[in-house]
């Protein structure tokens, strides 16, 4: 009897175990099915749009070739904004999902800077290279253009990191102002009913004047900057300084005039239209009757103004060479001696007699956005926002000169808006080379890159200090130019560098 009861108990125990195993498998199957359903549902375009409250993204996607194409194939949101499954898909989905959920519940969607999200450096964090290559496996299809073939060949051999969206940034969200193609219509439109100047300004004394470009309706203001001595560079005690800003040295500059604002699109397009290069491609020359005639820029690739508008906004994306030729042309048509400022002239004018980090009061430590604590505590903008167009107030684009107040000399946007070319070659050791009193220094005798100064609309507050230095990066700024040879006139990968002119005093 006891043996029978033991067998019955053992059988019952085994049966319970079997049922527990069956129930476990069923529960796992239900969990997997529920998880798959959750993953699938939260990866649909409809669900994405319910969380990301910006209808323009949906509309621009439906106008793009990822939606509106001959084949009828639709690339969903997660086709670009998540990696392929098996390649970190779930981790990326969880990471972005948690961030998006936090933004949805705790942030004001009207305060999101959507223009900044479109910039290449930000888009790289949300568009996955492997996802592009999963669909576009053949990089050299028969219908590919010559320029496209050159660009894709460069992509395959480049030692520098190049992403598909370097060239195809707007392929998933259509933007009529950002097509990656040769723009032969750029600069053709001329404003009607303009007064056309026939003579340049006559300057008899060293004082401010308004220059008039003959043959156009364009004029601009020049500020008389009286020469003097100043301490160039930043002391070791200055917060957020870089090593190439010192040691501080005594420098003397002579009188010069400087453009009140950065060269505008109106000014640059007067040169672009006058120099007879419309329709010419890179590498071609123009035959001219006048041996002294200047052959200007070829048509740009894409929209140099980024669709932000031209007019009095600063001209951007032209190379140092193009800016230099512009000065040569301006000198020719006005009879004056225009050129780019030396680095010493630039800093002297920017400081306007001050010796502080900025031409206004303020500490870079309070203004900067860099550092972990600044993510929790917003930086002070009260003392800087009215004087500088920089990352926190620019809306991720250039602004017109009237956006800020002038420095003590009456100059606008010396700090911020766009970096500005200087005449000098760049060297990190320029200030260390000669610590004696210098008169009108012009930097190293030779070099590869040129100095740029002032910071831009993308810069942190530390990079718009009066002493902050940087330099051109020609190779990096021409990565996605598909032409062979690459343009000497336009940067394909730099949207925040421009220039202003100086005029030499007799």
Protein backbone atom coordinates (compact mmCIF):
# COMPACT_ATOMS: atom_id res chain seq x y z
CA UNK A 1 0.00 0.00 0.00
CA UNK A 2 2.76 2.37 0.91
CA UNK A 3 4.65 1.47 -2.33
CA UNK A 4 1.53 2.22 -4.38
CA UNK A 5 1.11 5.57 -2.67
CA UNK A 6 4.75 6.44 -3.25
CA UNK A 7 4.41 5.61 -6.98
CA UNK A 8 1.24 7.66 -7.22
CA UNK A 9 2.92 10.61 -5.51
CA UNK A 10 5.95 10.36 -7.78
CA UNK A 11 3.68 10.25 -10.86
CA UNK A 12 1.78 13.28 -9.62
CA UNK A 13 5.03 15.12 -8.99
CA UNK A 14 6.30 14.35 -12.51
CA UNK A 15 2.99 15.45 -13.99
CA UNK A 16 3.19 18.75 -12.12
CA UNK A 17 6.72 19.28 -13.38
CA UNK A 18 5.62 18.53 -16.95
CA UNK A 19 2.78 20.99 -16.66
CA UNK A 20 5.10 23.58 -15.17
CA UNK A 21 7.48 23.10 -18.10
CA UNK A 22 4.60 23.36 -20.57
CA UNK A 23 3.27 26.46 -18.84
CA UNK A 24 6.80 27.92 -18.80
CA UNK A 25 7.20 27.37 -22.55
CA UNK A 26 3.74 28.83 -23.15
CA UNK A 27 4.53 31.86 -21.00
CA UNK A 28 7.84 32.33 -22.80
CA UNK A 29 6.10 32.02 -26.15
CA UNK A 30 3.51 34.59 -25.10
CA UNK A 31 6.22 36.92 -23.82
CA UNK A 32 8.21 36.57 -27.04
CA UNK A 33 5.07 37.16 -29.09
CA UNK A 34 4.14 40.16 -26.95
CA UNK A 35 7.70 41.50 -27.18
CA UNK A 36 7.72 41.05 -30.96
CA UNK A 37 4.34 42.76 -31.19
CA UNK A 38 5.61 45.62 -28.99
CA UNK A 39 8.80 45.99 -31.02
CA UNK A 40 6.87 45.86 -34.29
CA UNK A 41 4.17 48.29 -33.15
CA UNK A 42 6.63 50.81 -31.74
CA UNK A 43 8.66 50.66 -34.97
CA UNK A 44 5.84 51.69 -37.29
CA UNK A 45 5.84 55.10 -38.95
CA UNK A 46 2.48 55.90 -37.35
CA UNK A 47 3.86 55.28 -33.87
CA UNK A 48 7.00 57.31 -34.60
CA UNK A 49 4.93 60.27 -35.73
CA UNK A 50 2.70 60.04 -32.64
CA UNK A 51 5.70 60.71 -30.42
CA UNK A 52 7.82 63.02 -32.58
CA UNK A 53 5.60 66.07 -32.77
CA UNK A 54 6.97 67.84 -35.81
CA UNK A 55 4.70 67.42 -38.86
CA UNK A 56 7.31 68.97 -41.14
CA UNK A 57 9.44 65.83 -40.73
CA UNK A 58 6.54 63.64 -41.90
CA UNK A 59 5.79 65.96 -44.82
CA UNK A 60 9.41 66.25 -45.96
CA UNK A 61 9.82 62.45 -45.69
CA UNK A 62 6.81 61.90 -47.97
CA UNK A 63 8.37 64.28 -50.52
CA UNK A 64 11.73 62.51 -50.42
CA UNK A 65 12.98 59.68 -52.63
CA UNK A 66 12.65 57.35 -49.64
CA UNK A 67 8.88 57.65 -50.04
CA UNK A 68 8.07 59.32 -53.34
CA UNK A 69 9.90 57.26 -55.98
CA UNK A 70 9.20 55.33 -59.21
CA UNK A 71 9.51 51.89 -57.62
CA UNK A 72 6.90 52.54 -54.92
CA UNK A 73 9.24 51.29 -52.19
CA UNK A 74 8.85 53.12 -48.88
CA UNK A 75 11.76 53.34 -46.47
CA UNK A 76 10.26 53.58 -42.95
CA UNK A 77 11.57 55.80 -40.17
CA UNK A 78 13.44 52.96 -38.50
CA UNK A 79 15.01 52.04 -41.85
CA UNK A 80 17.38 54.98 -41.38
CA UNK A 81 17.11 55.92 -37.72
CA UNK A 82 17.88 52.46 -36.29
CA UNK A 83 20.62 50.00 -37.27
CA UNK A 84 19.69 46.71 -39.02
CA UNK A 85 18.33 43.93 -36.79
CA UNK A 86 21.16 41.89 -35.38
CA UNK A 87 23.48 44.88 -35.49
CA UNK A 88 22.61 46.51 -32.19
CA UNK A 89 18.98 47.13 -33.17
CA UNK A 90 17.39 46.51 -29.75
CA UNK A 91 20.02 48.46 -27.82
CA UNK A 92 19.69 51.46 -30.16
CA UNK A 93 15.91 51.24 -30.02
CA UNK A 94 15.94 51.22 -26.21
CA UNK A 95 18.45 54.08 -26.06
CA UNK A 96 16.57 56.34 -28.47
CA UNK A 97 13.20 55.28 -27.05
CA UNK A 98 14.10 56.27 -23.51
CA UNK A 99 15.50 59.59 -24.69
CA UNK A 100 12.42 60.29 -26.82
CA UNK A 101 10.07 59.33 -23.97
CA UNK A 102 11.87 61.70 -21.63
CA UNK A 103 11.61 64.50 -24.18
CA UNK A 104 7.93 63.77 -24.85
CA UNK A 105 6.88 63.92 -21.19
CA UNK A 106 9.29 66.45 -19.71
CA UNK A 107 10.33 68.86 -22.49
CA UNK A 108 8.51 71.64 -24.31
CA UNK A 109 8.41 70.59 -27.97
CA UNK A 110 8.12 74.23 -29.07
CA UNK A 111 11.56 74.91 -27.59
CA UNK A 112 13.35 72.20 -29.58
CA UNK A 113 15.86 73.65 -32.03
CA UNK A 114 14.83 71.78 -35.17
CA UNK A 115 17.36 73.56 -37.37
CA UNK A 116 20.19 72.29 -35.19
CA UNK A 117 18.85 68.74 -35.47
CA UNK A 118 19.28 68.95 -39.25
CA UNK A 119 22.98 69.77 -39.09
CA UNK A 120 25.35 67.01 -40.20
CA UNK A 121 27.14 66.70 -36.86
CA UNK A 122 23.82 66.05 -35.10
CA UNK A 123 22.29 63.88 -37.82
CA UNK A 124 25.20 61.44 -37.56
CA UNK A 125 23.88 60.34 -34.17
CA UNK A 126 20.49 59.38 -35.59
CA UNK A 127 21.25 57.95 -39.04
CA UNK A 128 23.07 54.61 -39.16
CA UNK A 129 25.63 53.90 -41.85
CA UNK A 130 24.94 50.15 -41.83
CA UNK A 131 21.28 50.82 -42.55
CA UNK A 132 22.22 52.84 -45.64
CA UNK A 133 24.53 50.08 -46.89
CA UNK A 134 21.99 47.33 -46.21
CA UNK A 135 19.67 48.79 -48.87
CA UNK A 136 22.25 50.44 -51.14
CA UNK A 137 24.63 47.53 -51.63
CA UNK A 138 25.74 48.45 -55.16
CA UNK A 139 27.58 51.76 -54.96
CA UNK A 140 28.32 51.83 -58.69
CA UNK A 141 25.06 51.19 -60.57
CA UNK A 142 25.08 51.74 -64.34
CA UNK A 143 22.91 54.88 -64.12
CA UNK A 144 25.28 56.60 -61.66
CA UNK A 145 26.64 59.93 -62.91
CA UNK A 146 30.35 60.61 -63.31
CA UNK A 147 30.32 62.95 -60.32
CA UNK A 148 28.46 60.33 -58.30
CA UNK A 149 30.97 57.68 -59.30
CA UNK A 150 33.86 59.92 -58.26
CA UNK A 151 32.20 60.59 -54.90
CA UNK A 152 31.47 56.90 -54.24
CA UNK A 153 35.00 55.92 -55.22
CA UNK A 154 36.35 58.47 -52.75
CA UNK A 155 34.01 56.99 -50.11
CA UNK A 156 35.48 53.51 -50.62
CA UNK A 157 39.13 54.60 -50.39
CA UNK A 158 38.97 57.48 -47.91
CA UNK A 159 41.09 57.10 -44.80
CA UNK A 160 39.03 59.79 -43.09
CA UNK A 161 35.59 58.85 -41.69
CA UNK A 162 32.99 59.64 -44.36
CA UNK A 163 29.29 58.88 -43.96
CA UNK A 164 26.67 58.45 -46.66
CA UNK A 165 24.86 61.48 -45.25
CA UNK A 166 27.90 63.66 -45.85
CA UNK A 167 26.52 63.92 -49.40
CA UNK A 168 22.98 62.64 -48.93
CA UNK A 169 21.99 64.50 -45.77
CA UNK A 170 18.54 65.42 -47.09
CA UNK A 171 17.72 62.27 -49.02
CA UNK A 172 15.32 61.10 -46.30
CA UNK A 173 13.74 64.52 -45.70
CA UNK A 174 13.40 66.58 -48.86
CA UNK A 175 14.71 70.13 -48.76
CA UNK A 176 14.45 72.16 -51.96
CA UNK A 177 17.26 74.45 -50.78
CA UNK A 178 19.76 71.68 -50.06
CA UNK A 179 20.05 69.63 -53.24
CA UNK A 180 23.48 68.09 -53.77
CA UNK A 181 24.02 69.19 -57.37
CA UNK A 182 25.75 71.86 -59.42
CA UNK A 183 23.85 75.12 -59.03
CA UNK A 184 24.29 77.07 -62.27
CA UNK A 185 21.40 79.41 -61.38
CA UNK A 186 23.02 80.63 -58.18
CA UNK A 187 23.38 84.40 -58.12
CA UNK A 188 21.55 85.03 -61.40
CA UNK A 189 18.65 87.02 -59.92
CA UNK A 190 19.23 90.77 -59.72
CA UNK A 191 17.03 93.05 -57.62
CA UNK A 192 14.92 95.31 -59.85
CA UNK A 193 14.74 99.10 -59.64
CA UNK A 194 18.18 99.46 -58.08
CA UNK A 195 20.23 102.61 -58.29
CA UNK A 196 23.37 101.53 -60.12
CA UNK A 197 26.55 103.18 -58.89
CA UNK A 198 28.91 104.45 -61.57
CA UNK A 199 31.77 105.51 -59.29
CA UNK A 200 33.25 104.26 -56.02
CA UNK A 201 33.45 106.35 -52.86
CA UNK A 202 35.98 109.21 -52.85
CA UNK A 203 38.04 109.14 -49.67
CA UNK A 204 40.20 112.17 -48.87
CA UNK A 205 40.53 111.82 -45.12
CA UNK A 206 41.01 109.04 -42.62
CA UNK A 207 37.43 108.69 -41.45
CA UNK A 208 34.51 106.31 -41.84
CA UNK A 209 33.08 106.05 -45.34
CA UNK A 210 30.52 104.13 -47.36
CA UNK A 211 31.96 102.24 -50.32
CA UNK A 212 29.92 101.91 -53.50
CA UNK A 213 30.62 99.07 -55.93
CA UNK A 214 30.50 100.48 -59.49
CA UNK A 215 28.16 98.65 -61.85
CA UNK A 216 25.96 97.50 -59.00
CA UNK A 217 23.52 98.87 -56.46
CA UNK A 218 25.59 97.54 -53.58
CA UNK A 219 27.28 99.62 -50.90
CA UNK A 220 28.84 98.86 -47.53
CA UNK A 221 30.30 100.76 -44.58
CA UNK A 222 33.99 100.97 -43.71
CA UNK A 223 35.16 101.98 -40.21
CA UNK A 224 38.38 103.95 -39.71
CA UNK A 225 40.51 102.10 -37.16
CA UNK A 226 43.30 104.28 -35.80
CA UNK A 227 46.52 102.35 -35.30
CA UNK A 228 48.15 101.72 -31.95
CA UNK A 229 49.71 99.13 -29.70
CA UNK A 230 48.01 96.32 -27.78
CA UNK A 231 48.70 93.06 -26.00
CA UNK A 232 47.92 90.29 -28.48
CA UNK A 233 46.88 86.84 -27.25
CA UNK A 234 45.51 85.61 -23.94
CA UNK A 235 47.28 85.31 -20.57
CA UNK A 236 47.56 81.90 -18.92
CA UNK A 237 45.02 83.03 -16.34
CA UNK A 238 42.26 83.51 -18.93
CA UNK A 239 39.58 80.81 -18.54
CA UNK A 240 39.08 78.39 -21.45
CA UNK A 241 42.15 79.60 -23.37
CA UNK A 242 44.16 77.36 -25.73
CA UNK A 243 47.92 76.97 -25.87
CA UNK A 244 48.23 78.58 -29.32
CA UNK A 245 47.00 81.92 -27.89
CA UNK A 246 50.21 82.69 -26.05
CA UNK A 247 52.46 83.95 -24.81
CA UNK A 248 50.95 87.43 -24.86
CA UNK A 249 53.08 89.82 -26.93
CA UNK A 250 53.17 93.55 -27.58
CA UNK A 251 52.04 94.40 -31.13
CA UNK A 252 51.71 97.68 -33.00
CA UNK A 253 49.47 98.14 -36.04
CA UNK A 254 49.11 101.09 -38.42
CA UNK A 255 45.90 102.87 -39.40
CA UNK A 256 43.47 100.85 -41.54
CA UNK A 257 39.82 100.72 -42.47
CA UNK A 258 37.77 97.63 -41.70
CA UNK A 259 34.37 96.55 -42.96
CA UNK A 260 31.69 97.36 -40.40
CA UNK A 261 30.19 93.92 -40.99
CA UNK A 262 31.20 90.70 -42.65
CA UNK A 263 31.00 90.66 -46.46
CA UNK A 264 27.35 90.08 -47.29
CA UNK A 265 25.78 88.00 -50.02
CA UNK A 266 24.80 91.21 -51.81
CA UNK A 267 28.46 92.24 -51.92
CA UNK A 268 29.84 88.84 -52.86
CA UNK A 269 27.24 88.24 -55.58
CA UNK A 270 28.17 91.57 -57.17
CA UNK A 271 31.63 90.03 -57.64
CA UNK A 272 30.19 86.65 -58.66
CA UNK A 273 28.05 88.18 -61.42
CA UNK A 274 30.75 90.55 -62.66
CA UNK A 275 33.59 88.10 -63.10
CA UNK A 276 32.05 86.11 -65.95
CA UNK A 277 32.25 82.57 -64.61
CA UNK A 278 28.61 81.49 -64.75
CA UNK A 279 28.30 78.12 -66.46
CA UNK A 280 32.03 77.38 -66.25
CA UNK A 281 33.01 74.12 -64.58
CA UNK A 282 35.96 73.52 -62.29
CA UNK A 283 39.26 73.37 -64.14
CA UNK A 284 38.11 75.40 -67.14
CA UNK A 285 39.54 78.81 -67.96
CA UNK A 286 37.80 81.82 -69.40
CA UNK A 287 39.24 83.65 -72.39
CA UNK A 288 39.00 87.39 -71.87
CA UNK A 289 39.99 90.34 -74.00
CA UNK A 290 41.29 92.33 -71.06
CA UNK A 291 44.49 90.82 -69.71
CA UNK A 292 43.76 92.35 -66.31
CA UNK A 293 40.26 90.86 -66.09
CA UNK A 294 39.65 88.65 -63.07
CA UNK A 295 38.22 85.19 -63.56
CA UNK A 296 35.96 84.56 -60.60
CA UNK A 297 34.22 81.64 -58.96
CA UNK A 298 32.67 78.73 -60.80
CA UNK A 299 29.05 77.83 -59.98
CA UNK A 300 28.75 76.32 -56.51
CA UNK A 301 27.73 72.78 -55.60
CA UNK A 302 24.35 72.94 -53.87
CA UNK A 303 23.01 76.08 -52.18
CA UNK A 304 25.83 77.99 -50.43
CA UNK A 305 23.35 80.11 -48.48
CA UNK A 306 21.76 76.88 -47.10
CA UNK A 307 18.33 78.31 -47.93
CA UNK A 308 18.61 80.82 -45.08
CA UNK A 309 18.50 83.77 -47.45
CA UNK A 310 21.10 86.07 -48.95
CA UNK A 311 20.85 89.87 -48.84
CA UNK A 312 22.68 91.27 -45.82
CA UNK A 313 23.46 87.89 -44.26
CA UNK A 314 27.18 87.07 -44.32
CA UNK A 315 28.39 85.25 -47.43
CA UNK A 316 29.56 81.76 -46.49
CA UNK A 317 31.15 78.57 -47.90
CA UNK A 318 33.62 80.33 -50.22
CA UNK A 319 37.27 79.30 -49.86
CA UNK A 320 40.13 81.44 -48.62
CA UNK A 321 41.26 81.68 -52.25
CA UNK A 322 37.84 82.95 -53.35
CA UNK A 323 37.82 85.58 -50.58
CA UNK A 324 41.29 86.69 -51.64
CA UNK A 325 40.26 87.03 -55.29
CA UNK A 326 37.19 88.99 -54.19
CA UNK A 327 39.50 91.50 -52.47
CA UNK A 328 41.61 91.72 -55.63
CA UNK A 329 38.51 92.41 -57.72
CA UNK A 330 37.16 94.95 -55.21
CA UNK A 331 40.50 96.78 -55.29
CA UNK A 332 40.38 96.86 -59.08
CA UNK A 333 36.85 98.28 -59.38
CA UNK A 334 37.23 100.86 -56.59
CA UNK A 335 40.85 101.93 -57.04
CA UNK A 336 41.64 101.27 -53.37
CA UNK A 337 43.77 98.61 -51.65
CA UNK A 338 41.40 96.04 -50.20
CA UNK A 339 42.57 92.75 -48.70
CA UNK A 340 41.90 90.32 -45.88
CA UNK A 341 42.93 91.53 -42.41
CA UNK A 342 46.12 90.29 -40.81
CA UNK A 343 45.58 88.33 -37.62
CA UNK A 344 47.01 91.23 -35.60
CA UNK A 345 44.68 93.76 -37.26
CA UNK A 346 41.73 91.46 -36.67
CA UNK A 347 42.35 91.02 -32.94
CA UNK A 348 43.18 94.71 -32.47
CA UNK A 349 39.86 95.67 -34.08
CA UNK A 350 37.92 92.98 -32.24
CA UNK A 351 39.18 94.07 -28.84
CA UNK A 352 38.43 97.72 -29.52
CA UNK A 353 40.76 98.81 -26.73
CA UNK A 354 39.73 96.11 -24.22
CA UNK A 355 41.99 93.52 -22.58
CA UNK A 356 39.28 91.21 -21.24
CA UNK A 357 38.27 87.85 -22.79
CA UNK A 358 35.47 89.60 -24.69
CA UNK A 359 34.95 93.21 -25.75
CA UNK A 360 32.20 93.24 -23.10
CA UNK A 361 32.24 92.14 -19.47
CA UNK A 362 31.91 88.44 -18.76
CA UNK A 363 33.63 85.23 -17.72
CA UNK A 364 33.96 82.37 -20.24
CA UNK A 365 33.36 79.89 -17.41
CA UNK A 366 29.88 81.34 -16.87
CA UNK A 367 29.07 81.59 -20.55
CA UNK A 368 30.30 78.19 -21.77
CA UNK A 369 27.94 75.27 -22.40
CA UNK A 370 30.67 72.65 -22.14
CA UNK A 371 30.92 70.30 -19.19
CA UNK A 372 28.59 67.86 -17.41
CA UNK A 373 27.28 70.42 -14.91
CA UNK A 374 26.22 72.75 -17.72
CA UNK A 375 23.71 70.12 -18.81
CA UNK A 376 22.04 70.49 -15.46
CA UNK A 377 22.62 74.20 -14.89
CA UNK A 378 22.02 76.42 -17.89
CA UNK A 379 24.89 78.78 -18.73
CA UNK A 380 24.55 82.53 -18.26
CA UNK A 381 23.52 84.26 -21.50
CA UNK A 382 22.60 87.70 -20.15
CA UNK A 383 25.93 89.36 -20.87
CA UNK A 384 26.70 87.75 -24.22
CA UNK A 385 23.49 87.15 -26.19
CA UNK A 386 23.06 90.78 -27.24
CA UNK A 387 26.63 91.04 -28.55
CA UNK A 388 27.42 87.68 -30.17
CA UNK A 389 25.65 85.26 -32.52
CA UNK A 390 26.74 81.89 -31.13
CA UNK A 391 25.38 78.39 -30.47
CA UNK A 392 22.83 79.35 -27.81
CA UNK A 393 21.06 82.20 -29.62
CA UNK A 394 21.65 81.67 -33.36
CA UNK A 395 18.90 79.15 -34.14
CA UNK A 396 21.69 77.22 -35.91
CA UNK A 397 22.06 79.66 -38.78
CA UNK A 398 23.71 82.96 -39.67
CA UNK A 399 22.01 86.19 -38.69
CA UNK A 400 21.93 89.70 -40.16
CA UNK A 401 24.26 92.37 -38.73
CA UNK A 402 21.44 94.12 -36.90
CA UNK A 403 21.05 91.06 -34.65
CA UNK A 404 23.82 92.29 -32.30
CA UNK A 405 25.16 95.52 -30.85
CA UNK A 406 28.55 96.82 -32.08
CA UNK A 407 31.87 96.63 -30.29
CA UNK A 408 33.61 99.82 -29.00
CA UNK A 409 34.85 100.66 -32.53
CA UNK A 410 31.40 100.31 -34.08
CA UNK A 411 32.16 96.93 -35.72
CA UNK A 412 29.48 94.24 -35.86
CA UNK A 413 29.88 90.48 -35.42
CA UNK A 414 33.62 90.52 -34.84
CA UNK A 415 32.77 87.72 -32.41
CA UNK A 416 30.39 85.04 -33.64
CA UNK A 417 28.07 84.69 -36.65
CA UNK A 418 30.80 83.30 -38.97
CA UNK A 419 34.48 82.58 -38.60
CA UNK A 420 36.52 85.12 -40.58
CA UNK A 421 39.54 84.50 -42.79
CA UNK A 422 42.78 86.26 -41.98
CA UNK A 423 45.70 86.94 -44.30
CA UNK A 424 48.16 84.95 -42.18
CA UNK A 425 49.18 81.33 -42.46
CA UNK A 426 48.39 79.44 -39.26
CA UNK A 427 50.96 78.06 -36.86
CA UNK A 428 50.35 76.93 -33.30
CA UNK A 429 53.74 78.42 -32.38
CA UNK A 430 53.33 81.82 -34.04
CA UNK A 431 53.32 83.73 -30.76
CA UNK A 432 56.30 81.82 -29.38
CA UNK A 433 58.47 82.54 -32.42
CA UNK A 434 59.07 86.20 -31.63
CA UNK A 435 58.29 87.87 -28.33
CA UNK A 436 59.80 91.24 -29.22
CA UNK A 437 57.63 94.28 -29.96
CA UNK A 438 56.18 93.65 -33.41
CA UNK A 439 54.95 96.19 -35.96
CA UNK A 440 52.30 95.04 -38.45
CA UNK A 441 53.18 91.32 -38.18
CA UNK A 442 51.92 89.01 -40.92
CA UNK A 443 52.51 85.60 -39.40
CA UNK A 444 54.59 82.73 -40.83
CA UNK A 445 56.20 83.14 -44.25
CA UNK A 446 54.75 79.88 -45.48
CA UNK A 447 52.17 77.31 -44.43
CA UNK A 448 49.30 75.12 -45.60
CA UNK A 449 46.27 76.52 -43.77
CA UNK A 450 45.20 80.05 -42.90
CA UNK A 451 44.03 81.61 -39.66
CA UNK A 452 40.32 82.03 -39.01
CA UNK A 453 39.04 84.15 -36.13
CA UNK A 454 35.94 85.06 -34.17
CA UNK A 455 33.91 81.88 -33.86
CA UNK A 456 30.55 81.31 -35.50
CA UNK A 457 26.86 80.67 -34.98
CA UNK A 458 27.80 77.08 -34.10
CA UNK A 459 30.47 77.99 -31.55
CA UNK A 460 30.51 77.64 -27.81
CA UNK A 461 31.07 80.85 -25.84
CA UNK A 462 34.72 79.96 -25.19
CA UNK A 463 35.45 80.05 -28.93
CA UNK A 464 34.14 83.58 -29.49
CA UNK A 465 36.69 85.15 -27.13
CA UNK A 466 38.79 87.93 -28.69
CA UNK A 467 42.00 85.85 -28.54
CA UNK A 468 40.53 82.51 -29.71
CA UNK A 469 42.26 81.11 -32.83
CA UNK A 470 41.51 78.40 -35.34
CA UNK A 471 42.49 77.55 -38.91
CA UNK A 472 41.07 76.43 -42.24
CA UNK A 473 40.76 72.68 -42.82
CA UNK A 474 40.83 72.47 -46.61
CA UNK A 475 40.80 68.68 -47.01
CA UNK A 476 38.02 68.11 -44.48
CA UNK A 477 35.95 70.97 -45.90
CA UNK A 478 36.04 69.48 -49.41
CA UNK A 479 35.28 65.84 -48.59
CA UNK A 480 31.95 65.64 -50.43
CA UNK A 481 32.87 67.79 -53.42
CA UNK A 482 32.54 65.19 -56.23
CA UNK A 483 34.47 67.22 -58.80
CA UNK A 484 37.93 66.29 -60.00
CA UNK A 485 39.79 68.52 -59.37
CA UNK A 486 37.97 69.73 -56.28
CA UNK A 487 36.79 73.32 -56.24
CA UNK A 488 39.18 76.12 -55.40
CA UNK A 489 36.18 78.44 -54.92
CA UNK A 490 33.62 76.73 -52.67
CA UNK A 491 33.82 74.52 -49.59
CA UNK A 492 31.34 71.64 -49.82
CA UNK A 493 31.51 70.81 -46.10
CA UNK A 494 31.82 74.08 -44.21
CA UNK A 495 28.87 76.39 -43.65
CA UNK A 496 30.11 78.78 -40.97
CA UNK A 497 33.14 80.58 -42.42
CA UNK A 498 33.06 83.97 -44.16
CA UNK A 499 35.25 87.07 -44.16
CA UNK A 500 35.43 90.83 -43.88
CA UNK A 501 37.72 93.23 -45.71
CA UNK A 502 40.23 95.87 -44.66
CA UNK A 503 41.41 98.78 -46.77
CA UNK A 504 44.96 100.01 -46.41
CA UNK A 505 45.42 103.64 -45.50
CA UNK A 506 47.67 105.70 -47.79
